[in-house]
Amino acid sequence: MKKYLLFDLDGTLTDPKEGICTCVQYALASFGIQEPDLDKLEPFIGPPLKESFMQFYDMNEEQAQAAVEKYRERFRDTGIFENRLYDGIPQMLRTLNSKGMFLAVASSKPTVFVERILEHFGIRSYFKAVVGSELDGTRTEKNEVVEEALRQLFGDAPVEKNKVYMIGDRRFDIEGAKAQGVDSVGVTYGYGGMEELREARADYIVRSVEELQRFLLRGTEDTARGMNFQKIWQFAYPFLMFLIVRSLAVYVVRLLGDVFGGSLAGIPLYVYDETGAPVSYTGNAVAIMQIVGFAAGGAFIWKSAKALIARAAEESKLLHIKREPAKNYVLLAGAALGAMFGLNMLLELTGLTDNSAVYQQVSESQYSVSIWLGLIVYAVAAPLAEELLFRGIIYNSLKGLFKPVAAMLAAAAFFGVYHGNSVQGIYGFLMGCLFIYAYEYFGDFRAAVALHAVVNFFSYLLGNTALGVSAFVSWPVCVLFLALCAVCLFLLNRQKKIF
């Protein structure tokens, strides 16, 4: 949420087409130019008038200034009121004010006209500052208008540019915002359109006043939260059924293996003792059972997960219109690998792995598998199924019960407990927080799946190589990797705060 909001006037708060275009028509007529089609004069809405007369009608500077004076001759008392507020604007401004936000108008129109229009429509009181150009021709560039609006909003205090949005419908608004180092929000319901705003590289783009209000109010909603049976059942039922279906699928595979002589696709099902009695399952057999189990569990919850993921994407899409730069993906990868290597080493160096009999048993089973079969289990099947369950269903459901940070911690705790032992529980909890961070930061469920898969891939390879038991595992190396994770997360968070 950003607290300081700069609004363009024409095409953003008001629809001035009739007044502006009719006054342009009046000014052109004084030069003997007849333009009966007002639609052709829409490009005059937004940018400075003088530059527009020069650009569109090949006037020199002196002629353009004379055209501006003729324009104002009609605009002062007539054209200024041939205008209307876009539907929903007063209600939006009232709501933004009630949330403690500071509003300003930053327009290329002369300040005296802007003030009269705001007073005419009864919305002047919502704005802490009103800045436009001057009648003497100064401060016509949008970046100058934005700069002055920021100065008036912040007064003697330092300008907190990371807390400001400039909102407008034309490329000039976007360019003015970029020149002053503030984020821009383009509105397509005005006169610039989607293509112009994209070419200007608006940070965010919305299509209606309603979408604009939802976007600006993100993080301020007093969402009705709280426990009730229906909300708990929304994630408890898929969780229980995932476990049941996965277990049933594993049981069916075992039965089929017995039916076909104790083997699965030619892979022995059992390890036998010297008497020929089966004593345990082979690692490869367990891997096949897990693949089938994850596939069955994931298939069962797919429909529920898909619906929740789609709803979450719809609710957050306005925060993710801006395309993330490639460097952010590199930073996320650095954070993930730093966390994976660092945490694995930390658990090893502190002796937690050696002191957990359950973990030792699980680890022995995991690494008694053919490496390629193990990678299918832990880098493909498990990430897909577990992300559908823990991020797709459980986290998205918990967001309706708790505030975002609490929802993240609760969902990550579920993920940790699910692993069934203290070592993987700690690791699962911390990595679960990272997966959720990736999901929210990029607004894309696939980011969490990809991160989970990459982390599991390298973690499994680490456990299957000499690196896992060599001098590579040491406190300096552990600290180095954890520091890498912390620095990458810091750099990501400095660009965009998620929680």
Protein backbone atom coordinates (compact mmCIF):
# COMPACT_ATOMS: atom_id res chain seq x y z
CA MET A 1 0.00 0.00 0.00
CA LYS A 2 1.26 3.48 -0.90
CA LYS A 3 -0.04 6.49 1.02
CA TYR A 4 0.72 9.36 -1.37
CA LEU A 5 -1.37 9.48 -4.53
CA LEU A 6 -0.94 11.99 -7.35
CA PHE A 7 -3.85 12.14 -9.81
CA ASP A 8 -3.92 13.61 -13.26
CA LEU A 9 -7.17 15.49 -13.86
CA ASP A 10 -8.28 15.18 -17.50
CA GLY A 11 -8.96 11.58 -18.47
CA THR A 12 -8.34 10.33 -14.93
CA LEU A 13 -10.72 12.13 -12.56
CA THR A 14 -12.88 13.85 -15.15
CA ASP A 15 -13.95 13.32 -18.76
CA PRO A 16 -13.27 16.74 -20.31
CA LYS A 17 -13.75 15.82 -23.95
CA GLU A 18 -16.58 18.19 -24.82
CA GLY A 19 -15.01 21.23 -23.17
CA ILE A 20 -11.44 20.71 -24.35
CA CYS A 21 -12.25 19.63 -27.88
CA THR A 22 -14.81 22.39 -28.41
CA CYS A 23 -12.34 25.00 -27.18
CA VAL A 24 -9.62 23.61 -29.45
CA GLN A 25 -12.13 23.76 -32.28
CA TYR A 26 -12.79 27.41 -31.37
CA ALA A 27 -9.06 28.24 -31.32
CA LEU A 28 -8.45 26.55 -34.68
CA ALA A 29 -11.34 28.45 -36.24
CA SER A 30 -9.56 31.70 -35.38
CA PHE A 31 -6.78 30.50 -37.70
CA GLY A 32 -9.25 29.62 -40.43
CA ILE A 33 -9.01 25.88 -39.67
CA GLN A 34 -12.36 24.10 -39.55
CA GLU A 35 -12.42 20.79 -37.67
CA PRO A 36 -16.01 19.57 -37.25
CA ASP A 37 -15.05 16.11 -35.89
CA LEU A 38 -14.39 16.44 -32.14
CA ASP A 39 -13.06 12.88 -32.00
CA LYS A 40 -10.04 13.95 -34.05
CA LEU A 41 -9.18 16.47 -31.33
CA GLU A 42 -8.96 13.90 -28.52
CA PRO A 43 -5.10 13.90 -28.64
CA PHE A 44 -5.29 17.40 -27.11
CA ILE A 45 -6.61 15.88 -23.89
CA GLY A 46 -3.76 15.47 -21.44
CA PRO A 47 -0.55 16.98 -22.88
CA PRO A 48 0.35 20.70 -22.77
CA LEU A 49 -1.78 22.66 -25.27
CA LYS A 50 1.03 24.67 -26.82
CA GLU A 51 3.00 21.58 -27.78
CA SER A 52 -0.16 19.95 -29.14
CA PHE A 53 -0.97 22.87 -31.47
CA MET A 54 2.62 22.79 -32.73
CA GLN A 55 2.62 19.00 -33.18
CA PHE A 56 -0.78 18.45 -34.75
CA TYR A 57 -1.22 21.64 -36.79
CA ASP A 58 2.38 22.57 -37.61
CA MET A 59 2.15 25.92 -35.82
CA ASN A 60 5.27 27.79 -34.83
CA GLU A 61 5.76 28.78 -31.21
CA GLU A 62 4.18 32.22 -31.61
CA GLN A 63 1.12 30.84 -33.41
CA ALA A 64 0.74 28.06 -30.85
CA GLN A 65 0.81 30.57 -27.99
CA ALA A 66 -1.85 32.65 -29.76
CA ALA A 67 -3.97 29.49 -30.20
CA VAL A 68 -3.66 28.76 -26.48
CA GLU A 69 -4.93 32.26 -25.68
CA LYS A 70 -7.94 31.77 -28.00
CA TYR A 71 -8.57 28.38 -26.39
CA ARG A 72 -8.60 29.95 -22.93
CA GLU A 73 -10.90 32.73 -24.12
CA ARG A 74 -13.71 30.20 -24.45
CA PHE A 75 -12.51 27.77 -21.78
CA ARG A 76 -12.49 30.27 -18.86
CA ASP A 77 -16.22 30.55 -18.50
CA THR A 78 -17.77 27.95 -20.79
CA GLY A 79 -15.51 25.05 -21.70
CA ILE A 80 -14.31 24.59 -18.14
CA PHE A 81 -17.73 23.30 -17.12
CA GLU A 82 -18.34 21.17 -20.22
CA ASN A 83 -16.92 18.34 -18.21
CA ARG A 84 -18.04 15.45 -16.01
CA LEU A 85 -16.64 13.25 -13.27
CA TYR A 86 -16.10 9.62 -14.15
CA ASP A 87 -18.55 7.36 -12.35
CA GLY A 88 -17.28 6.31 -8.93
CA ILE A 89 -14.62 9.02 -8.57
CA PRO A 90 -16.15 10.88 -5.55
CA GLN A 91 -16.76 7.61 -3.72
CA MET A 92 -13.20 6.45 -4.41
CA LEU A 93 -11.66 9.72 -3.20
CA ARG A 94 -13.78 9.62 -0.04
CA THR A 95 -12.67 6.06 0.67
CA LEU A 96 -8.99 6.82 0.05
CA ASN A 97 -9.19 9.79 2.41
CA SER A 98 -10.83 7.64 5.08
CA LYS A 99 -7.88 5.23 4.90
CA GLY A 100 -5.45 8.01 5.79
CA MET A 101 -4.00 8.48 2.31
CA PHE A 102 -2.69 11.84 1.09
CA LEU A 103 -4.03 12.92 -2.29
CA ALA A 104 -2.85 15.53 -4.76
CA VAL A 105 -3.74 16.60 -8.28
CA ALA A 106 -0.86 16.90 -10.75
CA SER A 107 -2.21 18.27 -14.04
CA SER A 108 -0.80 20.01 -17.12
CA LYS A 109 -3.87 22.29 -17.06
CA PRO A 110 -3.30 25.70 -15.43
CA THR A 111 -3.69 25.52 -11.66
CA VAL A 112 -6.39 28.20 -11.59
CA PHE A 113 -8.58 26.11 -13.90
CA VAL A 114 -7.90 22.91 -11.99
CA GLU A 115 -8.98 24.56 -8.73
CA ARG A 116 -12.23 25.81 -10.30
CA ILE A 117 -13.07 22.39 -11.75
CA LEU A 118 -12.44 20.60 -8.44
CA GLU A 119 -14.57 23.16 -6.59
CA HIS A 120 -17.32 22.89 -9.23
CA PHE A 121 -17.55 19.13 -8.71
CA GLY A 122 -17.25 19.36 -4.92
CA ILE A 123 -14.09 17.26 -4.63
CA ARG A 124 -11.46 19.92 -3.80
CA SER A 125 -11.49 19.05 -0.10
CA TYR A 126 -10.10 15.57 -0.77
CA PHE A 127 -6.76 16.93 -2.01
CA LYS A 128 -3.91 18.13 0.15
CA ALA A 129 -2.22 19.74 -2.84
CA VAL A 130 -3.37 20.90 -6.28
CA VAL A 131 -0.64 21.57 -8.83
CA GLY A 132 -0.92 22.51 -12.48
CA SER A 133 0.89 24.66 -15.01
CA GLU A 134 1.01 28.45 -14.84
CA LEU A 135 -0.80 30.86 -17.16
CA ASP A 136 2.53 32.51 -18.01
CA GLY A 137 3.69 29.28 -19.68
CA THR A 138 5.92 27.98 -16.90
CA ARG A 139 5.76 24.52 -15.36
CA THR A 140 4.10 22.92 -18.38
CA GLU A 141 6.25 19.77 -18.39
CA LYS A 142 4.66 16.90 -16.47
CA ASN A 143 7.82 16.03 -14.56
CA GLU A 144 7.90 19.63 -13.24
CA VAL A 145 4.26 19.31 -12.15
CA VAL A 146 4.96 16.01 -10.39
CA GLU A 147 8.04 17.47 -8.70
CA GLU A 148 6.05 20.42 -7.34
CA ALA A 149 3.20 18.16 -6.20
CA LEU A 150 5.68 16.02 -4.27
CA ARG A 151 7.20 19.13 -2.70
CA GLN A 152 3.80 20.34 -1.53
CA LEU A 153 2.72 16.91 -0.28
CA PHE A 154 5.82 16.30 1.81
CA GLY A 155 6.63 19.87 2.80
CA ASP A 156 9.94 20.06 4.69
CA ALA A 157 10.07 16.29 5.21
CA PRO A 158 12.15 14.10 2.88
CA VAL A 159 10.18 12.90 -0.15
CA GLU A 160 9.48 9.17 0.26
CA LYS A 161 9.28 8.27 -3.41
CA ASN A 162 8.74 4.58 -2.69
CA LYS A 163 5.39 5.50 -1.11
CA VAL A 164 4.02 7.44 -4.10
CA TYR A 165 1.89 6.58 -7.11
CA MET A 166 1.35 8.92 -10.07
CA ILE A 167 -1.97 8.03 -11.69
CA GLY A 168 -2.87 9.14 -15.21
CA ASP A 169 -4.18 8.14 -18.60
CA ARG A 170 -1.46 9.42 -20.97
CA ARG A 171 2.19 8.66 -21.61
CA PHE A 172 3.07 12.13 -20.30
CA ASP A 173 1.86 11.07 -16.85
CA ILE A 174 3.99 7.93 -16.97
CA GLU A 175 7.05 9.81 -18.23
CA GLY A 176 6.61 12.47 -15.54
CA ALA A 177 6.47 9.79 -12.87
CA LYS A 178 9.58 8.06 -14.18
CA ALA A 179 11.48 11.35 -14.32
CA GLN A 180 10.79 11.85 -10.61
CA GLY A 181 11.45 8.23 -9.65
CA VAL A 182 7.93 7.29 -8.53
CA ASP A 183 5.75 4.37 -9.60
CA SER A 184 3.06 5.03 -12.19
CA VAL A 185 -0.46 3.68 -12.59
CA GLY A 186 -2.01 4.01 -16.03
CA VAL A 187 -5.79 4.09 -16.48
CA THR A 188 -7.21 2.88 -19.78
CA TYR A 189 -10.67 4.39 -19.28
CA GLY A 190 -9.20 7.79 -20.21
CA TYR A 191 -7.71 8.86 -23.52
CA GLY A 192 -4.33 7.14 -23.73
CA GLY A 193 -5.38 3.52 -24.07
CA MET A 194 -3.61 0.27 -23.26
CA GLU A 195 -1.10 0.41 -26.12
CA GLU A 196 0.12 3.91 -25.28
CA LEU A 197 0.48 3.08 -21.59
CA ARG A 198 2.36 -0.14 -22.29
CA GLU A 199 4.72 1.60 -24.69
CA ALA A 200 5.36 4.23 -22.01
CA ARG A 201 6.14 1.33 -19.63
CA ALA A 202 3.58 2.15 -16.96
CA ASP A 203 4.35 0.19 -13.81
CA TYR A 204 0.70 -0.81 -13.41
CA ILE A 205 -2.36 -0.51 -15.65
CA VAL A 206 -6.02 -0.61 -14.61
CA ARG A 207 -9.11 -0.59 -16.77
CA SER A 208 -11.79 1.09 -14.66
CA VAL A 209 -12.33 3.33 -11.64
CA GLU A 210 -13.43 0.25 -9.72
CA GLU A 211 -10.17 -1.56 -10.52
CA LEU A 212 -8.19 1.56 -9.64
CA GLN A 213 -9.86 1.77 -6.23
CA ARG A 214 -9.24 -1.93 -5.54
CA PHE A 215 -5.62 -1.53 -6.54
CA LEU A 216 -4.97 1.53 -4.38
CA LEU A 217 -6.69 -0.02 -1.38
CA ARG A 218 -4.72 -3.28 -1.47
CA GLY A 219 -3.55 -4.07 2.05
CA THR A 220 -6.09 -1.79 3.77
CA GLU A 221 -9.14 -4.01 3.54
CA ASP A 222 -10.85 -4.88 6.80
CA THR A 223 -11.39 -8.42 5.62
CA ALA A 224 -13.74 -10.46 7.75
CA ARG A 225 -11.42 -13.01 9.25
CA GLY A 226 -12.02 -15.65 11.84
CA MET A 227 -12.46 -19.32 12.35
CA ASN A 228 -15.58 -21.20 11.44
CA PHE A 229 -16.19 -24.81 10.49
CA GLN A 230 -16.74 -24.08 6.81
CA LYS A 231 -13.46 -22.19 6.44
CA ILE A 232 -11.49 -24.84 8.31
CA TRP A 233 -13.12 -27.64 6.30
CA GLN A 234 -12.13 -25.84 3.07
CA PHE A 235 -8.53 -26.91 3.62
CA ALA A 236 -8.89 -29.72 6.18
CA TYR A 237 -10.94 -31.90 3.84
CA PRO A 238 -8.50 -31.73 0.88
CA PHE A 239 -5.58 -32.30 3.26
CA LEU A 240 -7.13 -35.43 4.78
CA MET A 241 -8.28 -36.76 1.43
CA PHE A 242 -4.85 -36.16 -0.10
CA LEU A 243 -3.29 -38.32 2.62
CA ILE A 244 -5.99 -41.00 2.32
CA VAL A 245 -5.94 -41.19 -1.47
CA ARG A 246 -2.15 -41.23 -1.54
CA SER A 247 -2.08 -44.07 1.01
CA LEU A 248 -4.71 -46.05 -0.88
CA ALA A 249 -2.78 -45.64 -4.13
CA VAL A 250 0.38 -46.93 -2.46
CA TYR A 251 -1.57 -49.89 -1.03
CA VAL A 252 -2.97 -50.75 -4.48
CA VAL A 253 0.55 -50.68 -5.96
CA ARG A 254 1.71 -53.10 -3.26
CA LEU A 255 -1.15 -55.46 -4.00
CA LEU A 256 -0.39 -55.35 -7.72
CA GLY A 257 3.24 -56.08 -6.97
CA ASP A 258 2.27 -59.16 -4.95
CA VAL A 259 -0.07 -60.30 -7.70
CA PHE A 260 2.73 -60.07 -10.26
CA GLY A 261 5.24 -62.06 -8.24
CA GLY A 262 6.68 -59.46 -5.91
CA SER A 263 7.90 -57.00 -8.53
CA LEU A 264 6.87 -53.67 -10.07
CA ALA A 265 7.69 -53.22 -13.77
CA GLY A 266 10.55 -55.64 -13.33
CA ILE A 267 11.78 -53.93 -10.14
CA PRO A 268 11.89 -56.25 -7.08
CA LEU A 269 9.34 -55.27 -4.48
CA TYR A 270 10.99 -56.76 -1.40
CA VAL A 271 14.33 -57.17 0.27
CA TYR A 272 14.60 -60.75 1.61
CA ASP A 273 16.55 -62.22 4.49
CA GLU A 274 18.67 -65.35 4.32
CA THR A 275 15.60 -67.54 4.82
CA GLY A 276 13.84 -65.98 1.84
CA ALA A 277 11.32 -64.05 3.96
CA PRO A 278 10.56 -60.46 2.90
CA VAL A 279 11.84 -57.97 5.49
CA SER A 280 11.37 -54.59 3.79
CA TYR A 281 10.57 -52.88 0.51
CA THR A 282 13.36 -52.01 -1.92
CA GLY A 283 14.19 -48.34 -2.34
CA ASN A 284 13.16 -48.33 -6.00
CA ALA A 285 9.84 -49.98 -5.17
CA VAL A 286 9.16 -47.34 -2.52
CA ALA A 287 9.97 -44.64 -5.09
CA ILE A 288 7.44 -46.04 -7.57
CA MET A 289 4.83 -46.21 -4.83
CA GLN A 290 5.53 -42.58 -3.94
CA ILE A 291 5.23 -41.44 -7.55
CA VAL A 292 1.87 -43.18 -7.89
CA GLY A 293 0.76 -41.89 -4.47
CA PHE A 294 1.66 -38.26 -5.22
CA ALA A 295 0.01 -38.49 -8.65
CA ALA A 296 -3.22 -39.91 -7.18
CA GLY A 297 -3.33 -37.42 -4.29
CA GLY A 298 -2.57 -34.50 -6.59
CA ALA A 299 -5.22 -35.60 -9.09
CA PHE A 300 -7.84 -35.80 -6.35
CA ILE A 301 -7.24 -32.23 -5.09
CA TRP A 302 -6.56 -30.74 -8.53
CA LYS A 303 -10.01 -29.24 -9.07
CA SER A 304 -10.16 -27.58 -5.64
CA ALA A 305 -6.60 -26.30 -5.91
CA LYS A 306 -7.18 -24.93 -9.41
CA ALA A 307 -10.22 -22.93 -8.27
CA LEU A 308 -8.41 -21.40 -5.28
CA ILE A 309 -5.31 -20.60 -7.32
CA ALA A 310 -7.43 -18.92 -10.01
CA ARG A 311 -9.29 -16.86 -7.42
CA ALA A 312 -6.05 -15.77 -5.76
CA ALA A 313 -4.62 -14.81 -9.16
CA GLU A 314 -7.69 -12.72 -9.96
CA GLU A 315 -7.52 -10.92 -6.61
CA SER A 316 -3.83 -10.09 -6.97
CA LYS A 317 -3.52 -9.48 -10.72
CA LEU A 318 -3.50 -5.70 -10.37
CA LEU A 319 -0.33 -5.97 -8.29
CA HIS A 320 1.45 -7.98 -10.95
CA ILE A 321 0.70 -6.19 -14.21
CA LYS A 322 4.24 -4.84 -14.07
CA ARG A 323 6.56 -7.47 -15.53
CA GLU A 324 9.28 -8.53 -13.11
CA PRO A 325 12.82 -7.88 -14.40
CA ALA A 326 15.04 -10.90 -15.04
CA LYS A 327 17.34 -9.92 -12.19
CA ASN A 328 14.55 -10.60 -9.69
CA TYR A 329 14.35 -14.20 -10.84
CA VAL A 330 18.10 -14.46 -10.41
CA LEU A 331 17.79 -13.04 -6.89
CA LEU A 332 15.04 -15.53 -6.07
CA ALA A 333 17.20 -18.40 -7.34
CA GLY A 334 20.08 -17.11 -5.22
CA ALA A 335 17.87 -16.95 -2.14
CA ALA A 336 16.57 -20.47 -2.74
CA LEU A 337 19.96 -22.08 -3.30
CA GLY A 338 21.45 -20.15 -0.40
CA ALA A 339 18.67 -21.35 1.88
CA MET A 340 18.82 -24.94 0.62
CA PHE A 341 22.58 -25.37 1.02
CA GLY A 342 22.78 -23.25 4.18
CA LEU A 343 19.93 -24.95 6.04
CA ASN A 344 21.05 -28.45 5.09
CA MET A 345 24.51 -27.68 6.41
CA LEU A 346 23.14 -26.00 9.53
CA LEU A 347 21.05 -29.04 10.42
CA GLU A 348 24.07 -31.28 9.81
CA LEU A 349 26.57 -29.15 11.73
CA THR A 350 24.31 -28.73 14.76
CA GLY A 351 23.90 -32.51 15.03
CA LEU A 352 20.14 -32.48 14.54
CA THR A 353 20.32 -34.92 11.65
CA ASP A 354 22.39 -37.42 13.64
CA ASN A 355 20.09 -37.26 16.67
CA SER A 356 16.85 -37.97 14.81
CA ALA A 357 16.31 -41.71 14.31
CA VAL A 358 13.19 -41.06 12.21
CA TYR A 359 15.09 -38.72 9.92
CA GLN A 360 17.92 -41.23 9.55
CA GLN A 361 15.42 -43.88 8.51
CA VAL A 362 13.73 -41.57 5.99
CA SER A 363 17.09 -40.43 4.64
CA GLU A 364 18.30 -44.00 4.19
CA SER A 365 15.13 -44.83 2.27
CA GLN A 366 15.42 -41.73 0.05
CA TYR A 367 18.99 -42.38 -0.94
CA SER A 368 18.67 -46.13 -1.50
CA VAL A 369 16.87 -45.32 -4.73
CA SER A 370 18.26 -45.10 -8.26
CA ILE A 371 19.23 -41.43 -8.61
CA TRP A 372 17.05 -40.89 -11.69
CA LEU A 373 14.03 -42.49 -10.05
CA GLY A 374 14.71 -40.44 -6.93
CA LEU A 375 14.78 -37.23 -8.94
CA ILE A 376 11.40 -38.07 -10.49
CA VAL A 377 9.97 -38.52 -6.99
CA TYR A 378 11.55 -35.55 -5.22
CA ALA A 379 12.04 -33.03 -8.03
CA VAL A 380 8.84 -33.67 -10.01
CA ALA A 381 6.07 -35.67 -8.31
CA ALA A 382 6.46 -34.29 -4.77
CA PRO A 383 6.76 -30.57 -5.71
CA LEU A 384 3.71 -30.69 -7.99
CA ALA A 385 1.44 -32.48 -5.54
CA GLU A 386 2.67 -30.71 -2.41
CA GLU A 387 2.41 -27.24 -3.96
CA LEU A 388 -1.17 -27.92 -5.03
CA LEU A 389 -1.97 -28.90 -1.45
CA PHE A 390 0.10 -26.59 0.74
CA ARG A 391 0.30 -23.39 -1.30
CA GLY A 392 -2.64 -23.85 -3.65
CA ILE A 393 -5.21 -24.98 -1.09
CA ILE A 394 -3.97 -24.57 2.48
CA TYR A 395 -2.20 -21.20 2.13
CA ASN A 396 -4.91 -19.66 -0.06
CA SER A 397 -7.56 -20.89 2.38
CA LEU A 398 -5.68 -19.58 5.43
CA LYS A 399 -5.49 -16.12 3.85
CA GLY A 400 -9.24 -15.94 4.48
CA LEU A 401 -8.71 -16.71 8.17
CA PHE A 402 -5.63 -14.73 9.10
CA LYS A 403 -3.59 -11.75 8.04
CA PRO A 404 -0.99 -12.52 5.33
CA VAL A 405 2.02 -13.08 7.60
CA ALA A 406 0.05 -15.30 9.98
CA ALA A 407 -1.36 -17.24 7.01
CA MET A 408 2.15 -17.78 5.67
CA LEU A 409 3.47 -19.01 9.04
CA ALA A 410 0.48 -21.30 9.60
CA ALA A 411 0.70 -22.83 6.11
CA ALA A 412 4.46 -23.31 6.45
CA ALA A 413 3.91 -24.95 9.85
CA PHE A 414 1.46 -27.39 8.24
CA PHE A 415 4.11 -28.19 5.66
CA GLY A 416 6.70 -28.78 8.36
CA VAL A 417 4.52 -31.05 10.49
CA TYR A 418 3.49 -33.02 7.39
CA HIS A 419 7.06 -34.33 7.05
CA GLY A 420 6.77 -36.23 10.32
CA ASN A 421 10.18 -35.61 11.91
CA SER A 422 11.92 -32.66 13.55
CA VAL A 423 14.73 -32.27 11.01
CA GLN A 424 12.55 -32.17 7.91
CA GLY A 425 9.94 -30.28 9.92
CA ILE A 426 12.29 -27.36 10.60
CA TYR A 427 13.59 -27.42 7.04
CA GLY A 428 10.07 -27.74 5.59
CA PHE A 429 8.76 -24.84 7.67
CA LEU A 430 11.51 -22.45 6.58
CA MET A 431 11.43 -23.49 2.94
CA GLY A 432 7.63 -23.35 3.01
CA CYS A 433 7.89 -19.67 3.99
CA LEU A 434 10.24 -19.11 1.06
CA PHE A 435 7.90 -20.86 -1.40
CA ILE A 436 5.01 -18.68 -0.24
CA TYR A 437 7.17 -15.56 -0.54
CA ALA A 438 7.98 -16.49 -4.14
CA TYR A 439 4.28 -17.15 -4.84
CA GLU A 440 3.24 -13.74 -3.51
CA TYR A 441 6.18 -11.79 -4.91
CA PHE A 442 5.68 -12.92 -8.50
CA GLY A 443 1.92 -13.46 -8.27
CA ASP A 444 2.35 -16.77 -10.02
CA PHE A 445 1.72 -20.21 -8.55
CA ARG A 446 4.24 -21.62 -11.00
CA ALA A 447 6.99 -19.69 -9.22
CA ALA A 448 6.40 -21.71 -6.05
CA VAL A 449 6.29 -25.01 -7.98
CA ALA A 450 9.48 -24.21 -9.89
CA LEU A 451 11.29 -23.09 -6.75
CA HIS A 452 10.23 -26.25 -4.88
CA ALA A 453 11.39 -28.43 -7.78
CA VAL A 454 14.76 -26.69 -8.10
CA VAL A 455 15.42 -26.83 -4.36
CA ASN A 456 14.52 -30.53 -4.18
CA PHE A 457 16.63 -31.27 -7.26
CA PHE A 458 19.79 -29.78 -5.80
CA SER A 459 19.07 -31.06 -2.30
CA TYR A 460 18.69 -34.61 -3.59
CA LEU A 461 21.88 -34.36 -5.64
CA LEU A 462 23.70 -32.96 -2.61
CA GLY A 463 22.69 -35.99 -0.56
CA ASN A 464 23.83 -38.35 -3.29
CA THR A 465 27.29 -36.89 -3.76
CA ALA A 466 30.47 -36.64 -1.73
CA LEU A 467 29.69 -32.98 -1.06
CA GLY A 468 27.22 -34.09 1.58
CA VAL A 469 29.95 -35.69 3.72
CA SER A 470 33.07 -33.77 2.70
CA ALA A 471 34.88 -30.78 4.13
CA PHE A 472 32.53 -28.70 1.97
CA VAL A 473 30.10 -28.94 4.91
CA SER A 474 31.62 -26.43 7.32
CA TRP A 475 30.55 -23.44 9.36
CA PRO A 476 32.17 -20.82 7.07
CA VAL A 477 30.47 -22.30 4.01
CA CYS A 478 27.16 -22.61 5.88
CA VAL A 479 27.29 -18.95 6.94
CA LEU A 480 28.24 -17.92 3.40
CA PHE A 481 25.18 -19.62 1.90
CA LEU A 482 22.81 -18.29 4.56
CA ALA A 483 24.22 -14.81 3.98
CA LEU A 484 23.60 -15.23 0.24
CA CYS A 485 19.96 -16.07 1.01
CA ALA A 486 19.59 -13.06 3.33
CA VAL A 487 21.17 -10.60 0.86
CA CYS A 488 19.01 -11.81 -2.04
CA LEU A 489 15.83 -11.53 0.02
CA PHE A 490 16.86 -8.07 1.23
CA LEU A 491 17.38 -6.89 -2.35
CA LEU A 492 14.03 -8.33 -3.43
CA ASN A 493 12.21 -6.81 -0.48
CA ARG A 494 13.79 -3.41 -1.08
CA GLN A 495 12.16 -3.30 -4.50
CA LYS A 496 8.75 -4.53 -3.41
CA LYS A 497 7.37 -5.31 0.05
CA ILE A 498 5.06 -8.32 0.10
CA PHE A 499 4.30 -8.81 3.78
